[in-house]
Amino acid sequence: MSSASEVEAVITPEVDWRSQAACSGNVTLFFAKKAERPQARARREAKAMRLCAQCPVQDPCRNHARTHREYGFWAGESEEDRHLLGFTVSAPIGIRARAPRDASGTVAS
């Protein structure tokens, strides 16, 4: 496996950073399945975090997710993490799931 500095030297406008990503071809860890339970999400994101931690292209990946308002887990960050850091995300899933609800189950404002 190449070190981050070796990969950075190879990345040019002609070479997309995604081709150097540790997660290339493994999207199941990074995007929630329909009706994913919170415990399953935590386990999935922990696995994704471990893979991201060894990835040589975290910086361009993180910048892409933040700039393009991406959903899912990118460069060690969930959409909720990006939202809490002040980046715009249309509907951060974790925050919506934990929002206070009234007796009818409606999100309280």
PDB file of N, CA and C in Angstrom:
ATOM      1  N   MET A   1       0.845  -1.184   0.000  1.00  0.00           N
ATOM      2  CA  MET A   1       0.000   0.000   0.000  1.00  0.00           C
ATOM      3  C   MET A   1       0.885   1.240   0.000  1.00  0.00           C
ATOM      4  N   SER A   2       0.536   2.221  -0.749  1.00  0.00           N
ATOM      5  CA  SER A   2       1.298   3.458  -0.854  1.00  0.00           C
ATOM      6  C   SER A   2       1.030   4.357   0.330  1.00  0.00           C
ATOM      7  N   SER A   3       2.010   5.172   0.645  1.00  0.00           N
ATOM      8  CA  SER A   3       1.786   6.157   1.702  1.00  0.00           C
ATOM      9  C   SER A   3       1.013   7.323   1.125  1.00  0.00           C
ATOM     10  N   ALA A   4       0.430   8.137   2.003  1.00  0.00           N
ATOM     11  CA  ALA A   4      -0.366   9.284   1.563  1.00  0.00           C
ATOM     12  C   ALA A   4       0.476  10.231   0.726  1.00  0.00           C
ATOM     13  N   SER A   5       1.726  10.469   1.105  1.00  0.00           N
ATOM     14  CA  SER A   5       2.553  11.401   0.353  1.00  0.00           C
ATOM     15  C   SER A   5       2.866  10.875  -1.041  1.00  0.00           C
ATOM     16  N   GLU A   6       3.043   9.553  -1.183  1.00  0.00           N
ATOM     17  CA  GLU A   6       3.273   8.981  -2.506  1.00  0.00           C
ATOM     18  C   GLU A   6       2.056   9.141  -3.390  1.00  0.00           C
ATOM     19  N   VAL A   7       0.861   8.942  -2.835  1.00  0.00           N
ATOM     20  CA  VAL A   7      -0.366   9.070  -3.610  1.00  0.00           C
ATOM     21  C   VAL A   7      -0.602  10.527  -3.986  1.00  0.00           C
ATOM     22  N   GLU A   8      -0.387  11.449  -3.037  1.00  0.00           N
ATOM     23  CA  GLU A   8      -0.587  12.864  -3.331  1.00  0.00           C
ATOM     24  C   GLU A   8       0.271  13.302  -4.498  1.00  0.00           C
ATOM     25  N   ALA A   9       1.471  12.755  -4.599  1.00  0.00           N
ATOM     26  CA  ALA A   9       2.358  13.125  -5.685  1.00  0.00           C
ATOM     27  C   ALA A   9       1.820  12.637  -7.024  1.00  0.00           C
ATOM     28  N   VAL A  10       1.006  11.587  -7.006  1.00  0.00           N
ATOM     29  CA  VAL A  10       0.475  11.007  -8.233  1.00  0.00           C
ATOM     30  C   VAL A  10      -0.813  11.697  -8.683  1.00  0.00           C
ATOM     31  N   ILE A  11      -1.571  12.268  -7.755  1.00  0.00           N
ATOM     32  CA  ILE A  11      -2.857  12.850  -8.081  1.00  0.00           C
ATOM     33  C   ILE A  11      -2.662  14.164  -8.823  1.00  0.00           C
ATOM     34  N   THR A  12      -3.208  14.213 -10.012  1.00  0.00           N
ATOM     35  CA  THR A  12      -3.172  15.407 -10.851  1.00  0.00           C
ATOM     36  C   THR A  12      -4.579  15.624 -11.372  1.00  0.00           C
ATOM     37  N   PRO A  13      -4.836  16.727 -12.071  1.00  0.00           N
ATOM     38  CA  PRO A  13      -6.173  16.899 -12.633  1.00  0.00           C
ATOM     39  C   PRO A  13      -6.585  15.742 -13.552  1.00  0.00           C
ATOM     40  N   GLU A  14      -5.599  15.080 -14.151  1.00  0.00           N
ATOM     41  CA  GLU A  14      -5.909  13.963 -15.057  1.00  0.00           C
ATOM     42  C   GLU A  14      -6.204  12.668 -14.290  1.00  0.00           C
ATOM     43  N   VAL A  15      -5.746  12.581 -13.018  1.00  0.00           N
ATOM     44  CA  VAL A  15      -5.950  11.380 -12.206  1.00  0.00           C
ATOM     45  C   VAL A  15      -6.937  11.716 -11.096  1.00  0.00           C
ATOM     46  N   ASP A  16      -8.103  11.134 -11.167  1.00  0.00           N
ATOM     47  CA  ASP A  16      -9.146  11.390 -10.182  1.00  0.00           C
ATOM     48  C   ASP A  16      -8.763  10.763  -8.851  1.00  0.00           C
ATOM     49  N   TRP A  17      -8.943  11.493  -7.750  1.00  0.00           N
ATOM     50  CA  TRP A  17      -8.612  10.991  -6.420  1.00  0.00           C
ATOM     51  C   TRP A  17      -9.397   9.728  -6.083  1.00  0.00           C
ATOM     52  N   ARG A  18     -10.584   9.573  -6.664  1.00  0.00           N
ATOM     53  CA  ARG A  18     -11.418   8.404  -6.349  1.00  0.00           C
ATOM     54  C   ARG A  18     -10.752   7.096  -6.751  1.00  0.00           C
ATOM     55  N   SER A  19      -9.924   7.141  -7.778  1.00  0.00           N
ATOM     56  CA  SER A  19      -9.242   5.920  -8.208  1.00  0.00           C
ATOM     57  C   SER A  19      -8.202   5.467  -7.184  1.00  0.00           C
ATOM     58  N   GLN A  20      -7.794   6.356  -6.274  1.00  0.00           N
ATOM     59  CA  GLN A  20      -6.807   6.044  -5.247  1.00  0.00           C
ATOM     60  C   GLN A  20      -7.460   5.717  -3.895  1.00  0.00           C
ATOM     61  N   ALA A  21      -8.778   5.820  -3.804  1.00  0.00           N
ATOM     62  CA  ALA A  21      -9.482   5.657  -2.522  1.00  0.00           C
ATOM     63  C   ALA A  21      -9.476   4.209  -2.042  1.00  0.00           C
ATOM     64  N   ALA A  22      -9.302   4.036  -0.740  1.00  0.00           N
ATOM     65  CA  ALA A  22      -9.316   2.702  -0.129  1.00  0.00           C
ATOM     66  C   ALA A  22     -10.688   2.038  -0.272  1.00  0.00           C
ATOM     67  N   CYS A  23     -11.739   2.838  -0.395  1.00  0.00           N
ATOM     68  CA  CYS A  23     -13.101   2.311  -0.456  1.00  0.00           C
ATOM     69  C   CYS A  23     -13.570   2.009  -1.878  1.00  0.00           C
ATOM     70  N   SER A  24     -12.754   2.245  -2.853  1.00  0.00           N
ATOM     71  CA  SER A  24     -13.158   2.083  -4.247  1.00  0.00           C
ATOM     72  C   SER A  24     -13.864   0.748  -4.477  1.00  0.00           C
ATOM     73  N   GLY A  25     -15.096   0.821  -4.941  1.00  0.00           N
ATOM     74  CA  GLY A  25     -15.894  -0.362  -5.219  1.00  0.00           C
ATOM     75  C   GLY A  25     -16.626  -0.949  -4.028  1.00  0.00           C
ATOM     76  N   ASN A  26     -16.563  -0.304  -2.878  1.00  0.00           N
ATOM     77  CA  ASN A  26     -17.187  -0.838  -1.664  1.00  0.00           C
ATOM     78  C   ASN A  26     -18.156   0.197  -1.082  1.00  0.00           C
ATOM     79  N   VAL A  27     -19.264   0.445  -1.745  1.00  0.00           N
ATOM     80  CA  VAL A  27     -20.179   1.491  -1.302  1.00  0.00           C
ATOM     81  C   VAL A  27     -21.124   1.065  -0.183  1.00  0.00           C
ATOM     82  N   THR A  28     -21.259  -0.218   0.075  1.00  0.00           N
ATOM     83  CA  THR A  28     -22.238  -0.667   1.073  1.00  0.00           C
ATOM     84  C   THR A  28     -21.936  -0.157   2.478  1.00  0.00           C
ATOM     85  N   LEU A  29     -20.685   0.098   2.798  1.00  0.00           N
ATOM     86  CA  LEU A  29     -20.344   0.611   4.124  1.00  0.00           C
ATOM     87  C   LEU A  29     -20.674   2.091   4.287  1.00  0.00           C
ATOM     88  N   PHE A  30     -20.831   2.796   3.201  1.00  0.00           N
ATOM     89  CA  PHE A  30     -20.864   4.254   3.253  1.00  0.00           C
ATOM     90  C   PHE A  30     -22.243   4.876   3.081  1.00  0.00           C
ATOM     91  N   PHE A  31     -23.226   4.073   2.728  1.00  0.00           N
ATOM     92  CA  PHE A  31     -24.575   4.589   2.538  1.00  0.00           C
ATOM     93  C   PHE A  31     -25.582   3.680   3.232  1.00  0.00           C
ATOM     94  N   ALA A  32     -26.501   4.295   3.948  1.00  0.00           N
ATOM     95  CA  ALA A  32     -27.487   3.551   4.731  1.00  0.00           C
ATOM     96  C   ALA A  32     -28.441   2.766   3.842  1.00  0.00           C
ATOM     97  N   LYS A  33     -28.795   1.590   4.317  1.00  0.00           N
ATOM     98  CA  LYS A  33     -29.846   0.817   3.666  1.00  0.00           C
ATOM     99  C   LYS A  33     -31.184   1.401   4.085  1.00  0.00           C
ATOM    100  N   LYS A  34     -32.205   1.127   3.310  1.00  0.00           N
ATOM    101  CA  LYS A  34     -33.542   1.592   3.646  1.00  0.00           C
ATOM    102  C   LYS A  34     -33.939   1.037   5.015  1.00  0.00           C
ATOM    103  N   ALA A  35     -34.460   1.902   5.873  1.00  0.00           N
ATOM    104  CA  ALA A  35     -34.935   1.548   7.218  1.00  0.00           C
ATOM    105  C   ALA A  35     -33.832   0.962   8.093  1.00  0.00           C
ATOM    106  N   GLU A  36     -32.616   1.461   7.933  1.00  0.00           N
ATOM    107  CA  GLU A  36     -31.502   0.985   8.745  1.00  0.00           C
ATOM    108  C   GLU A  36     -31.708   1.378  10.204  1.00  0.00           C
ATOM    109  N   ARG A  37     -31.531   0.444  11.100  1.00  0.00           N
ATOM    110  CA  ARG A  37     -31.684   0.715  12.532  1.00  0.00           C
ATOM    111  C   ARG A  37     -30.455   1.466  13.047  1.00  0.00           C
ATOM    112  N   PRO A  38     -30.640   2.278  14.092  1.00  0.00           N
ATOM    113  CA  PRO A  38     -29.514   3.055  14.626  1.00  0.00           C
ATOM    114  C   PRO A  38     -28.300   2.207  15.019  1.00  0.00           C
ATOM    115  N   GLN A  39     -28.537   1.026  15.604  1.00  0.00           N
ATOM    116  CA  GLN A  39     -27.424   0.165  16.004  1.00  0.00           C
ATOM    117  C   GLN A  39     -26.667  -0.347  14.781  1.00  0.00           C
ATOM    118  N   ALA A  40     -27.410  -0.692  13.738  1.00  0.00           N
ATOM    119  CA  ALA A  40     -26.775  -1.165  12.504  1.00  0.00           C
ATOM    120  C   ALA A  40     -25.992  -0.029  11.851  1.00  0.00           C
ATOM    121  N   ARG A  41     -26.545   1.174  11.901  1.00  0.00           N
ATOM    122  CA  ARG A  41     -25.838   2.335  11.342  1.00  0.00           C
ATOM    123  C   ARG A  41     -24.524   2.562  12.098  1.00  0.00           C
ATOM    124  N   ALA A  42     -24.559   2.475  13.409  1.00  0.00           N
ATOM    125  CA  ALA A  42     -23.350   2.678  14.214  1.00  0.00           C
ATOM    126  C   ALA A  42     -22.280   1.643  13.856  1.00  0.00           C
ATOM    127  N   ARG A  43     -22.679   0.385  13.699  1.00  0.00           N
ATOM    128  CA  ARG A  43     -21.719  -0.668  13.331  1.00  0.00           C
ATOM    129  C   ARG A  43     -21.155  -0.427  11.932  1.00  0.00           C
ATOM    130  N   ARG A  44     -22.033  -0.092  10.994  1.00  0.00           N
ATOM    131  CA  ARG A  44     -21.603   0.155   9.612  1.00  0.00           C
ATOM    132  C   ARG A  44     -20.631   1.327   9.563  1.00  0.00           C
ATOM    133  N   GLU A  45     -20.971   2.413  10.254  1.00  0.00           N
ATOM    134  CA  GLU A  45     -20.114   3.592  10.227  1.00  0.00           C
ATOM    135  C   GLU A  45     -18.786   3.352  10.939  1.00  0.00           C
ATOM    136  N   ALA A  46     -18.766   2.489  11.957  1.00  0.00           N
ATOM    137  CA  ALA A  46     -17.504   2.155  12.624  1.00  0.00           C
ATOM    138  C   ALA A  46     -16.575   1.422  11.654  1.00  0.00           C
ATOM    139  N   LYS A  47     -17.133   0.513  10.850  1.00  0.00           N
ATOM    140  CA  LYS A  47     -16.333  -0.178   9.835  1.00  0.00           C
ATOM    141  C   LYS A  47     -15.836   0.812   8.787  1.00  0.00           C
ATOM    142  N   ALA A  48     -16.720   1.705   8.362  1.00  0.00           N
ATOM    143  CA  ALA A  48     -16.332   2.722   7.373  1.00  0.00           C
ATOM    144  C   ALA A  48     -15.228   3.611   7.927  1.00  0.00           C
ATOM    145  N   MET A  49     -15.347   3.987   9.197  1.00  0.00           N
ATOM    146  CA  MET A  49     -14.342   4.844   9.837  1.00  0.00           C
ATOM    147  C   MET A  49     -12.966   4.176   9.815  1.00  0.00           C
ATOM    148  N   ARG A  50     -12.933   2.862  10.093  1.00  0.00           N
ATOM    149  CA  ARG A  50     -11.654   2.148  10.072  1.00  0.00           C
ATOM    150  C   ARG A  50     -11.041   2.149   8.667  1.00  0.00           C
ATOM    151  N   LEU A  51     -11.873   1.976   7.661  1.00  0.00           N
ATOM    152  CA  LEU A  51     -11.376   1.989   6.285  1.00  0.00           C
ATOM    153  C   LEU A  51     -10.904   3.393   5.906  1.00  0.00           C
ATOM    154  N   CYS A  52     -11.669   4.405   6.270  1.00  0.00           N
ATOM    155  CA  CYS A  52     -11.293   5.796   5.972  1.00  0.00           C
ATOM    156  C   CYS A  52      -9.990   6.185   6.669  1.00  0.00           C
ATOM    157  N   ALA A  53      -9.766   5.671   7.860  1.00  0.00           N
ATOM    158  CA  ALA A  53      -8.579   6.037   8.630  1.00  0.00           C
ATOM    159  C   ALA A  53      -7.286   5.648   7.914  1.00  0.00           C
ATOM    160  N   GLN A  54      -7.345   4.637   7.077  1.00  0.00           N
ATOM    161  CA  GLN A  54      -6.143   4.213   6.364  1.00  0.00           C
ATOM    162  C   GLN A  54      -6.119   4.703   4.913  1.00  0.00           C
ATOM    163  N   CYS A  55      -7.070   5.504   4.525  1.00  0.00           N
ATOM    164  CA  CYS A  55      -7.184   5.949   3.134  1.00  0.00           C
ATOM    165  C   CYS A  55      -6.208   7.088   2.830  1.00  0.00           C
ATOM    166  N   PRO A  56      -5.518   7.008   1.712  1.00  0.00           N
ATOM    167  CA  PRO A  56      -4.552   8.042   1.362  1.00  0.00           C
ATOM    168  C   PRO A  56      -5.169   9.319   0.776  1.00  0.00           C
ATOM    169  N   VAL A  57      -6.475   9.309   0.493  1.00  0.00           N
ATOM    170  CA  VAL A  57      -7.089  10.487  -0.142  1.00  0.00           C
ATOM    171  C   VAL A  57      -8.218  11.081   0.696  1.00  0.00           C
ATOM    172  N   GLN A  58      -8.056  11.089   2.009  1.00  0.00           N
ATOM    173  CA  GLN A  58      -9.092  11.632   2.894  1.00  0.00           C
ATOM    174  C   GLN A  58      -9.378  13.103   2.616  1.00  0.00           C
ATOM    175  N   ASP A  59      -8.358  13.917   2.413  1.00  0.00           N
ATOM    176  CA  ASP A  59      -8.585  15.355   2.233  1.00  0.00           C
ATOM    177  C   ASP A  59      -9.446  15.670   1.007  1.00  0.00           C
ATOM    178  N   PRO A  60      -9.111  15.167  -0.182  1.00  0.00           N
ATOM    179  CA  PRO A  60      -9.988  15.480  -1.312  1.00  0.00           C
ATOM    180  C   PRO A  60     -11.380  14.860  -1.174  1.00  0.00           C
ATOM    181  N   CYS A  61     -11.466  13.715  -0.539  1.00  0.00           N
ATOM    182  CA  CYS A  61     -12.765  13.075  -0.312  1.00  0.00           C
ATOM    183  C   CYS A  61     -13.631  13.944   0.609  1.00  0.00           C
ATOM    184  N   ARG A  62     -13.041  14.376   1.714  1.00  0.00           N
ATOM    185  CA  ARG A  62     -13.755  15.224   2.680  1.00  0.00           C
ATOM    186  C   ARG A  62     -14.189  16.533   2.014  1.00  0.00           C
ATOM    187  N   ASN A  63     -13.290  17.147   1.257  1.00  0.00           N
ATOM    188  CA  ASN A  63     -13.620  18.399   0.576  1.00  0.00           C
ATOM    189  C   ASN A  63     -14.758  18.208  -0.415  1.00  0.00           C
ATOM    190  N   HIS A  64     -14.749  17.095  -1.124  1.00  0.00           N
ATOM    191  CA  HIS A  64     -15.820  16.801  -2.081  1.00  0.00           C
ATOM    192  C   HIS A  64     -17.162  16.681  -1.357  1.00  0.00           C
ATOM    193  N   ALA A  65     -17.189  15.923  -0.279  1.00  0.00           N
ATOM    194  CA  ALA A  65     -18.442  15.715   0.461  1.00  0.00           C
ATOM    195  C   ALA A  65     -18.979  17.024   1.019  1.00  0.00           C
ATOM    196  N   ARG A  66     -18.092  17.830   1.552  1.00  0.00           N
ATOM    197  CA  ARG A  66     -18.523  19.107   2.133  1.00  0.00           C
ATOM    198  C   ARG A  66     -18.991  20.079   1.060  1.00  0.00           C
ATOM    199  N   THR A  67     -18.287  20.146  -0.041  1.00  0.00           N
ATOM    200  CA  THR A  67     -18.622  21.077  -1.127  1.00  0.00           C
ATOM    201  C   THR A  67     -19.903  20.682  -1.849  1.00  0.00           C
ATOM    202  N   HIS A  68     -20.114  19.394  -2.043  1.00  0.00           N
ATOM    203  CA  HIS A  68     -21.251  18.912  -2.831  1.00  0.00           C
ATOM    204  C   HIS A  68     -22.430  18.453  -1.979  1.00  0.00           C
ATOM    205  N   ARG A  69     -22.395  18.742  -0.682  1.00  0.00           N
ATOM    206  CA  ARG A  69     -23.506  18.416   0.225  1.00  0.00           C
ATOM    207  C   ARG A  69     -23.915  16.956   0.136  1.00  0.00           C
ATOM    208  N   GLU A  70     -22.927  16.095   0.187  1.00  0.00           N
ATOM    209  CA  GLU A  70     -23.165  14.662   0.007  1.00  0.00           C
ATOM    210  C   GLU A  70     -23.816  14.018   1.221  1.00  0.00           C
ATOM    211  N   TYR A  71     -24.602  12.996   0.951  1.00  0.00           N
ATOM    212  CA  TYR A  71     -25.123  12.116   1.987  1.00  0.00           C
ATOM    213  C   TYR A  71     -24.141  10.980   2.158  1.00  0.00           C
ATOM    214  N   GLY A  72     -24.305  10.248   3.229  1.00  0.00           N
ATOM    215  CA  GLY A  72     -23.460   9.086   3.448  1.00  0.00           C
ATOM    216  C   GLY A  72     -22.210   9.435   4.224  1.00  0.00           C
ATOM    217  N   PHE A  73     -21.344   8.462   4.321  1.00  0.00           N
ATOM    218  CA  PHE A  73     -20.124   8.553   5.103  1.00  0.00           C
ATOM    219  C   PHE A  73     -18.972   8.802   4.148  1.00  0.00           C
ATOM    220  N   TRP A  74     -18.294   9.929   4.308  1.00  0.00           N
ATOM    221  CA  TRP A  74     -17.189  10.321   3.427  1.00  0.00           C
ATOM    222  C   TRP A  74     -16.001  10.740   4.286  1.00  0.00           C
ATOM    223  N   ALA A  75     -14.834  10.181   4.039  1.00  0.00           N
ATOM    224  CA  ALA A  75     -13.579  10.585   4.692  1.00  0.00           C
ATOM    225  C   ALA A  75     -13.695  10.627   6.215  1.00  0.00           C
ATOM    226  N   GLY A  76     -14.394   9.679   6.771  1.00  0.00           N
ATOM    227  CA  GLY A  76     -14.514   9.624   8.223  1.00  0.00           C
ATOM    228  C   GLY A  76     -15.595  10.516   8.798  1.00  0.00           C
ATOM    229  N   GLU A  77     -16.444  11.097   7.964  1.00  0.00           N
ATOM    230  CA  GLU A  77     -17.521  11.987   8.428  1.00  0.00           C
ATOM    231  C   GLU A  77     -18.874  11.535   7.887  1.00  0.00           C
ATOM    232  N   SER A  78     -19.870  11.554   8.743  1.00  0.00           N
ATOM    233  CA  SER A  78     -21.242  11.313   8.301  1.00  0.00           C
ATOM    234  C   SER A  78     -21.857  12.648   7.892  1.00  0.00           C
ATOM    235  N   GLU A  79     -23.031  12.611   7.293  1.00  0.00           N
ATOM    236  CA  GLU A  79     -23.705  13.878   6.962  1.00  0.00           C
ATOM    237  C   GLU A  79     -24.032  14.664   8.227  1.00  0.00           C
ATOM    238  N   GLU A  80     -24.296  13.952   9.318  1.00  0.00           N
ATOM    239  CA  GLU A  80     -24.545  14.620  10.594  1.00  0.00           C
ATOM    240  C   GLU A  80     -23.286  15.348  11.074  1.00  0.00           C
ATOM    241  N   ASP A  81     -22.132  14.691  10.961  1.00  0.00           N
ATOM    242  CA  ASP A  81     -20.869  15.328  11.354  1.00  0.00           C
ATOM    243  C   ASP A  81     -20.643  16.609  10.554  1.00  0.00           C
ATOM    244  N   ARG A  82     -20.860  16.524   9.247  1.00  0.00           N
ATOM    245  CA  ARG A  82     -20.661  17.711   8.392  1.00  0.00           C
ATOM    246  C   ARG A  82     -21.631  18.814   8.786  1.00  0.00           C
ATOM    247  N   HIS A  83     -22.865  18.452   9.074  1.00  0.00           N
ATOM    248  CA  HIS A  83     -23.862  19.436   9.496  1.00  0.00           C
ATOM    249  C   HIS A  83     -23.421  20.123  10.789  1.00  0.00           C
ATOM    250  N   LEU A  84     -22.968  19.350  11.753  1.00  0.00           N
ATOM    251  CA  LEU A  84     -22.553  19.903  13.042  1.00  0.00           C
ATOM    252  C   LEU A  84     -21.308  20.780  12.917  1.00  0.00           C
ATOM    253  N   LEU A  85     -20.514  20.555  11.866  1.00  0.00           N
ATOM    254  CA  LEU A  85     -19.340  21.390  11.613  1.00  0.00           C
ATOM    255  C   LEU A  85     -19.686  22.662  10.839  1.00  0.00           C
ATOM    256  N   GLY A  86     -20.959  22.816  10.477  1.00  0.00           N
ATOM    257  CA  GLY A  86     -21.405  24.033   9.814  1.00  0.00           C
ATOM    258  C   GLY A  86     -21.542  23.934   8.303  1.00  0.00           C
ATOM    259  N   PHE A  87     -21.380  22.731   7.745  1.00  0.00           N
ATOM    260  CA  PHE A  87     -21.550  22.555   6.310  1.00  0.00           C
ATOM    261  C   PHE A  87     -23.007  22.236   6.016  1.00  0.00           C
ATOM    262  N   THR A  88     -23.503  22.740   4.914  1.00  0.00           N
ATOM    263  CA  THR A  88     -24.902  22.560   4.557  1.00  0.00           C
ATOM    264  C   THR A  88     -25.168  21.135   4.101  1.00  0.00           C
ATOM    265  N   VAL A  89     -26.150  20.515   4.721  1.00  0.00           N
ATOM    266  CA  VAL A  89     -26.654  19.207   4.322  1.00  0.00           C
ATOM    267  C   VAL A  89     -28.165  19.341   4.352  1.00  0.00           C
ATOM    268  N   SER A  90     -28.834  18.944   3.301  1.00  0.00           N
ATOM    269  CA  SER A  90     -30.275  19.150   3.209  1.00  0.00           C
ATOM    270  C   SER A  90     -31.045  18.548   4.375  1.00  0.00           C
ATOM    271  N   ALA A  91     -30.722  17.337   4.753  1.00  0.00           N
ATOM    272  CA  ALA A  91     -31.440  16.684   5.853  1.00  0.00           C
ATOM    273  C   ALA A  91     -30.504  15.707   6.545  1.00  0.00           C
ATOM    274  N   PRO A  92     -29.709  16.171   7.499  1.00  0.00           N
ATOM    275  CA  PRO A  92     -28.796  15.256   8.181  1.00  0.00           C
ATOM    276  C   PRO A  92     -29.570  14.171   8.921  1.00  0.00           C
ATOM    277  N   ILE A  93     -29.406  12.959   8.499  1.00  0.00           N
ATOM    278  CA  ILE A  93     -30.216  11.837   8.965  1.00  0.00           C
ATOM    279  C   ILE A  93     -30.138  11.643  10.472  1.00  0.00           C
ATOM    280  N   GLY A  94     -28.970  11.625  11.063  1.00  0.00           N
ATOM    281  CA  GLY A  94     -28.834  11.378  12.496  1.00  0.00           C
ATOM    282  C   GLY A  94     -29.536  12.426  13.331  1.00  0.00           C
ATOM    283  N   ILE A  95     -29.464  13.685  12.916  1.00  0.00           N
ATOM    284  CA  ILE A  95     -30.108  14.769  13.663  1.00  0.00           C
ATOM    285  C   ILE A  95     -31.633  14.612  13.584  1.00  0.00           C
ATOM    286  N   ARG A  96     -32.150  14.313  12.408  1.00  0.00           N
ATOM    287  CA  ARG A  96     -33.597  14.122  12.256  1.00  0.00           C
ATOM    288  C   ARG A  96     -34.070  12.949  13.093  1.00  0.00           C
ATOM    289  N   ALA A  97     -33.295  11.890  13.134  1.00  0.00           N
ATOM    290  CA  ALA A  97     -33.702  10.693  13.871  1.00  0.00           C
ATOM    291  C   ALA A  97     -33.750  10.942  15.371  1.00  0.00           C
ATOM    292  N   ARG A  98     -32.922  11.847  15.871  1.00  0.00           N
ATOM    293  CA  ARG A  98     -32.879  12.101  17.304  1.00  0.00           C
ATOM    294  C   ARG A  98     -33.630  13.359  17.710  1.00  0.00           C
ATOM    295  N   ALA A  99     -34.312  13.996  16.774  1.00  0.00           N
ATOM    296  CA  ALA A  99     -35.043  15.231  17.095  1.00  0.00           C
ATOM    297  C   ALA A  99     -36.134  14.939  18.108  1.00  0.00           C
ATOM    298  N   PRO A 100     -36.353  15.852  19.058  1.00  0.00           N
ATOM    299  CA  PRO A 100     -37.421  15.650  20.047  1.00  0.00           C
ATOM    300  C   PRO A 100     -38.791  15.553  19.347  1.00  0.00           C
ATOM    301  N   ARG A 101     -39.601  14.657  19.826  1.00  0.00           N
ATOM    302  CA  ARG A 101     -40.935  14.455  19.234  1.00  0.00           C
ATOM    303  C   ARG A 101     -41.994  14.683  20.292  1.00  0.00           C
ATOM    304  N   ASP A 102     -43.162  15.146  19.849  1.00  0.00           N
ATOM    305  CA  ASP A 102     -44.273  15.310  20.782  1.00  0.00           C
ATOM    306  C   ASP A 102     -44.999  13.973  20.947  1.00  0.00           C
ATOM    307  N   ALA A 103     -46.085  13.976  21.692  1.00  0.00           N
ATOM    308  CA  ALA A 103     -46.817  12.740  21.991  1.00  0.00           C
ATOM    309  C   ALA A 103     -47.332  12.034  20.744  1.00  0.00           C
ATOM    310  N   SER A 104     -47.611  12.790  19.662  1.00  0.00           N
ATOM    311  CA  SER A 104     -48.124  12.174  18.433  1.00  0.00           C
ATOM    312  C   SER A 104     -47.013  11.611  17.555  1.00  0.00           C
ATOM    313  N   GLY A 105     -45.741  11.850  17.947  1.00  0.00           N
ATOM    314  CA  GLY A 105     -44.623  11.368  17.147  1.00  0.00           C
ATOM    315  C   GLY A 105     -44.099  12.384  16.154  1.00  0.00           C
ATOM    316  N   THR A 106     -44.701  13.572  16.130  1.00  0.00           N
ATOM    317  CA  THR A 106     -44.277  14.631  15.224  1.00  0.00           C
ATOM    318  C   THR A 106     -43.066  15.330  15.819  1.00  0.00           C
ATOM    319  N   VAL A 107     -42.102  15.690  14.954  1.00  0.00           N
ATOM    320  CA  VAL A 107     -40.917  16.403  15.424  1.00  0.00           C
ATOM    321  C   VAL A 107     -41.347  17.743  16.007  1.00  0.00           C
ATOM    322  N   ALA A 108     -40.953  17.990  17.254  1.00  0.00           N
ATOM    323  CA  ALA A 108     -41.304  19.244  17.928  1.00  0.00           C
ATOM    324  C   ALA A 108     -40.475  20.375  17.360  1.00  0.00           C
ATOM    325  N   SER A 109     -41.088  21.554  17.225  1.00  0.00           N
ATOM    326  CA  SER A 109     -40.338  22.696  16.689  1.00  0.00           C
ATOM    327  C   SER A 109     -39.894  23.633  17.758  1.00  0.00           C
TER     328      SER A 109
END
